[in-house]
Amino acid sequence: MTRITSKRQVTIPKAIADRYNIREGDDLAFLVAGDAIYILPVRSRTKERPMIERLANFDAATKRQLTRQRRSASRRVKLKRTR
């Protein structure tokens, strides 16, 4: 586990940095997907792009599903009131 500093900095554990070959000065991309945050080392734009698109598509699909569920729930409530 790691903790955020007052400057919002995070230390990457050595085992993870070694495993993914993350070195001082490397760029990292922070991607949000629902309630999760993915941290990806930026190796090249072409390799990173498909992951970003998949996560963006997943996030959009999750939002659409939540909207459908809310609409469905509000319709059920309206039907109960009219009966």
N, C-alpha and C. Protein backbone atom coordinates (compact mmCIF):
# COMPACT_ATOMS: atom_id res chain seq x y z
N MET A 1 0.85 -1.17 0.00
CA MET A 1 0.00 0.00 0.00
C MET A 1 0.90 1.23 0.00
N THR A 2 0.39 2.29 -0.60
CA THR A 2 1.12 3.55 -0.66
C THR A 2 0.20 4.68 -0.25
N ARG A 3 0.78 5.80 0.10
CA ARG A 3 0.01 6.94 0.59
C ARG A 3 0.33 8.16 -0.25
N ILE A 4 -0.64 9.02 -0.44
CA ILE A 4 -0.44 10.27 -1.19
C ILE A 4 0.15 11.31 -0.25
N THR A 5 1.15 12.06 -0.76
CA THR A 5 1.77 13.12 0.04
C THR A 5 0.93 14.39 -0.06
N SER A 6 1.31 15.41 0.69
CA SER A 6 0.59 16.69 0.65
C SER A 6 0.68 17.35 -0.73
N LYS A 7 1.68 16.96 -1.52
CA LYS A 7 1.81 17.48 -2.89
C LYS A 7 1.13 16.56 -3.91
N ARG A 8 0.34 15.62 -3.42
CA ARG A 8 -0.38 14.64 -4.24
C ARG A 8 0.57 13.74 -5.03
N GLN A 9 1.70 13.43 -4.44
CA GLN A 9 2.66 12.52 -5.07
C GLN A 9 2.48 11.12 -4.51
N VAL A 10 2.76 10.13 -5.34
CA VAL A 10 2.61 8.73 -4.96
C VAL A 10 3.92 8.01 -5.22
N THR A 11 4.32 7.16 -4.31
CA THR A 11 5.51 6.34 -4.51
C THR A 11 5.08 4.99 -5.05
N ILE A 12 5.70 4.59 -6.15
CA ILE A 12 5.40 3.28 -6.73
C ILE A 12 6.30 2.26 -6.04
N PRO A 13 5.73 1.20 -5.48
CA PRO A 13 6.55 0.19 -4.81
C PRO A 13 7.62 -0.36 -5.76
N LYS A 14 8.81 -0.64 -5.22
CA LYS A 14 9.94 -1.09 -6.02
C LYS A 14 9.61 -2.35 -6.81
N ALA A 15 8.92 -3.29 -6.20
CA ALA A 15 8.60 -4.55 -6.89
C ALA A 15 7.76 -4.28 -8.15
N ILE A 16 6.82 -3.35 -8.06
CA ILE A 16 5.98 -3.02 -9.22
C ILE A 16 6.79 -2.27 -10.27
N ALA A 17 7.59 -1.30 -9.82
CA ALA A 17 8.42 -0.54 -10.75
C ALA A 17 9.38 -1.47 -11.49
N ASP A 18 9.98 -2.41 -10.78
CA ASP A 18 10.90 -3.36 -11.42
C ASP A 18 10.16 -4.26 -12.40
N ARG A 19 9.02 -4.76 -11.99
CA ARG A 19 8.26 -5.69 -12.84
C ARG A 19 7.85 -5.04 -14.16
N TYR A 20 7.45 -3.77 -14.11
CA TYR A 20 6.98 -3.08 -15.30
C TYR A 20 8.03 -2.14 -15.89
N ASN A 21 9.26 -2.26 -15.41
CA ASN A 21 10.39 -1.49 -15.94
C ASN A 21 10.11 0.02 -15.93
N ILE A 22 9.57 0.50 -14.82
CA ILE A 22 9.30 1.93 -14.66
C ILE A 22 10.52 2.56 -14.00
N ARG A 23 11.05 3.58 -14.64
CA ARG A 23 12.25 4.24 -14.16
C ARG A 23 12.01 5.72 -13.91
N GLU A 24 12.92 6.34 -13.19
CA GLU A 24 12.84 7.77 -12.92
C GLU A 24 12.74 8.55 -14.24
N GLY A 25 11.79 9.47 -14.30
CA GLY A 25 11.60 10.28 -15.50
C GLY A 25 10.60 9.71 -16.49
N ASP A 26 10.16 8.46 -16.29
CA ASP A 26 9.16 7.86 -17.18
C ASP A 26 7.83 8.59 -17.04
N ASP A 27 7.06 8.60 -18.11
CA ASP A 27 5.71 9.17 -18.08
C ASP A 27 4.72 8.08 -17.72
N LEU A 28 3.72 8.45 -16.92
CA LEU A 28 2.64 7.54 -16.56
C LEU A 28 1.32 8.17 -16.94
N ALA A 29 0.40 7.35 -17.43
CA ALA A 29 -0.94 7.83 -17.77
C ALA A 29 -1.91 7.34 -16.70
N PHE A 30 -2.77 8.23 -16.23
CA PHE A 30 -3.81 7.88 -15.27
C PHE A 30 -5.13 7.81 -16.02
N LEU A 31 -5.76 6.65 -15.99
CA LEU A 31 -7.01 6.44 -16.71
C LEU A 31 -8.10 6.08 -15.73
N VAL A 32 -9.25 6.71 -15.89
CA VAL A 32 -10.39 6.46 -15.00
C VAL A 32 -11.38 5.57 -15.72
N ALA A 33 -11.82 4.51 -15.05
CA ALA A 33 -12.83 3.60 -15.59
C ALA A 33 -13.78 3.25 -14.46
N GLY A 34 -14.92 3.91 -14.44
CA GLY A 34 -15.87 3.68 -13.34
C GLY A 34 -15.27 4.18 -12.05
N ASP A 35 -15.19 3.29 -11.06
CA ASP A 35 -14.62 3.65 -9.76
C ASP A 35 -13.14 3.30 -9.66
N ALA A 36 -12.55 2.80 -10.74
CA ALA A 36 -11.15 2.39 -10.72
C ALA A 36 -10.27 3.42 -11.42
N ILE A 37 -9.03 3.48 -10.98
CA ILE A 37 -8.03 4.33 -11.63
C ILE A 37 -6.89 3.40 -12.06
N TYR A 38 -6.58 3.42 -13.35
CA TYR A 38 -5.49 2.62 -13.89
C TYR A 38 -4.29 3.53 -14.12
N ILE A 39 -3.12 3.05 -13.74
CA ILE A 39 -1.88 3.78 -13.98
C ILE A 39 -1.07 2.96 -14.97
N LEU A 40 -0.82 3.56 -16.13
CA LEU A 40 -0.11 2.84 -17.19
C LEU A 40 1.18 3.55 -17.55
N PRO A 41 2.28 2.82 -17.65
CA PRO A 41 3.50 3.44 -18.15
C PRO A 41 3.30 3.77 -19.63
N VAL A 42 3.71 4.95 -20.04
CA VAL A 42 3.55 5.36 -21.43
C VAL A 42 4.79 4.93 -22.20
N ARG A 43 4.65 3.89 -22.99
CA ARG A 43 5.77 3.36 -23.78
C ARG A 43 5.75 4.01 -25.15
N SER A 44 4.61 3.99 -25.77
CA SER A 44 4.43 4.67 -27.05
C SER A 44 2.95 4.96 -27.20
N ARG A 45 2.63 5.99 -27.90
CA ARG A 45 1.23 6.38 -28.09
C ARG A 45 0.44 5.28 -28.79
N THR A 46 1.05 4.55 -29.70
CA THR A 46 0.29 3.54 -30.44
C THR A 46 -0.08 2.36 -29.55
N LYS A 47 0.78 2.00 -28.60
CA LYS A 47 0.46 0.89 -27.71
C LYS A 47 -0.55 1.31 -26.65
N GLU A 48 -0.48 2.54 -26.21
CA GLU A 48 -1.36 3.02 -25.14
C GLU A 48 -2.78 3.27 -25.65
N ARG A 49 -2.92 3.71 -26.87
CA ARG A 49 -4.21 4.13 -27.42
C ARG A 49 -5.31 3.08 -27.32
N PRO A 50 -5.06 1.81 -27.72
CA PRO A 50 -6.14 0.82 -27.62
C PRO A 50 -6.66 0.65 -26.20
N MET A 51 -5.77 0.68 -25.20
CA MET A 51 -6.20 0.53 -23.81
C MET A 51 -7.06 1.73 -23.40
N ILE A 52 -6.65 2.92 -23.77
CA ILE A 52 -7.42 4.12 -23.43
C ILE A 52 -8.80 4.05 -24.05
N GLU A 53 -8.86 3.63 -25.32
CA GLU A 53 -10.15 3.53 -26.00
C GLU A 53 -11.04 2.47 -25.35
N ARG A 54 -10.47 1.33 -25.00
CA ARG A 54 -11.27 0.28 -24.36
C ARG A 54 -11.81 0.75 -23.02
N LEU A 55 -10.96 1.41 -22.22
CA LEU A 55 -11.41 1.91 -20.93
C LEU A 55 -12.47 3.00 -21.09
N ALA A 56 -12.30 3.88 -22.08
CA ALA A 56 -13.29 4.92 -22.33
C ALA A 56 -14.61 4.30 -22.76
N ASN A 57 -14.56 3.29 -23.62
CA ASN A 57 -15.78 2.60 -24.05
C ASN A 57 -16.46 1.90 -22.88
N PHE A 58 -15.67 1.28 -22.02
CA PHE A 58 -16.23 0.61 -20.85
C PHE A 58 -16.91 1.62 -19.93
N ASP A 59 -16.26 2.76 -19.71
CA ASP A 59 -16.82 3.79 -18.85
C ASP A 59 -18.13 4.33 -19.43
N ALA A 60 -18.16 4.56 -20.74
CA ALA A 60 -19.38 5.05 -21.39
C ALA A 60 -20.49 4.02 -21.30
N ALA A 61 -20.18 2.76 -21.49
CA ALA A 61 -21.19 1.70 -21.39
C ALA A 61 -21.73 1.60 -19.97
N THR A 62 -20.87 1.76 -18.98
CA THR A 62 -21.30 1.73 -17.58
C THR A 62 -22.27 2.87 -17.29
N LYS A 63 -21.96 4.06 -17.80
CA LYS A 63 -22.85 5.22 -17.59
C LYS A 63 -24.20 4.99 -18.27
N ARG A 64 -24.18 4.43 -19.50
CA ARG A 64 -25.45 4.15 -20.19
C ARG A 64 -26.28 3.15 -19.40
N GLN A 65 -25.64 2.12 -18.87
CA GLN A 65 -26.36 1.11 -18.10
C GLN A 65 -26.97 1.71 -16.83
N LEU A 66 -26.24 2.56 -16.14
CA LEU A 66 -26.78 3.21 -14.94
C LEU A 66 -27.97 4.09 -15.29
N THR A 67 -27.90 4.79 -16.41
CA THR A 67 -29.02 5.62 -16.86
C THR A 67 -30.23 4.76 -17.14
N ARG A 68 -30.04 3.63 -17.83
CA ARG A 68 -31.16 2.73 -18.11
C ARG A 68 -31.78 2.19 -16.83
N GLN A 69 -30.93 1.84 -15.87
CA GLN A 69 -31.44 1.30 -14.61
C GLN A 69 -32.25 2.35 -13.85
N ARG A 70 -31.77 3.60 -13.84
CA ARG A 70 -32.50 4.67 -13.16
C ARG A 70 -33.85 4.91 -13.82
N ARG A 71 -33.86 4.95 -15.15
CA ARG A 71 -35.12 5.16 -15.88
C ARG A 71 -36.10 4.03 -15.59
N SER A 72 -35.60 2.81 -15.60
CA SER A 72 -36.45 1.65 -15.34
C SER A 72 -37.03 1.72 -13.93
N ALA A 73 -36.21 2.09 -12.97
CA ALA A 73 -36.67 2.19 -11.58
C ALA A 73 -37.72 3.29 -11.44
N SER A 74 -37.53 4.42 -12.10
CA SER A 74 -38.51 5.51 -11.99
C SER A 74 -39.81 5.13 -12.68
N ARG A 75 -39.77 4.36 -13.76
CA ARG A 75 -40.99 3.89 -14.43
C ARG A 75 -41.77 2.95 -13.53
N ARG A 76 -41.04 2.07 -12.81
CA ARG A 76 -41.73 1.14 -11.90
C ARG A 76 -42.43 1.91 -10.80
N VAL A 77 -41.81 2.95 -10.30
CA VAL A 77 -42.40 3.76 -9.24
C VAL A 77 -43.66 4.45 -9.77
N LYS A 78 -43.61 4.99 -10.99
CA LYS A 78 -44.77 5.65 -11.58
C LYS A 78 -45.91 4.67 -11.80
N LEU A 79 -45.59 3.45 -12.24
CA LEU A 79 -46.63 2.44 -12.44
C LEU A 79 -47.30 2.08 -11.13
N LYS A 80 -46.55 1.97 -10.06
CA LYS A 80 -47.13 1.62 -8.75
C LYS A 80 -48.05 2.72 -8.28
N ARG A 81 -47.71 3.97 -8.53
CA ARG A 81 -48.53 5.10 -8.09
C ARG A 81 -49.85 5.17 -8.86
N THR A 82 -49.85 4.78 -10.12
CA THR A 82 -51.07 4.87 -10.92
C THR A 82 -52.00 3.73 -10.68
N ARG A 83 -51.60 2.69 -10.06
CA ARG A 83 -52.48 1.52 -9.80
C ARG A 83 -53.37 1.74 -8.64
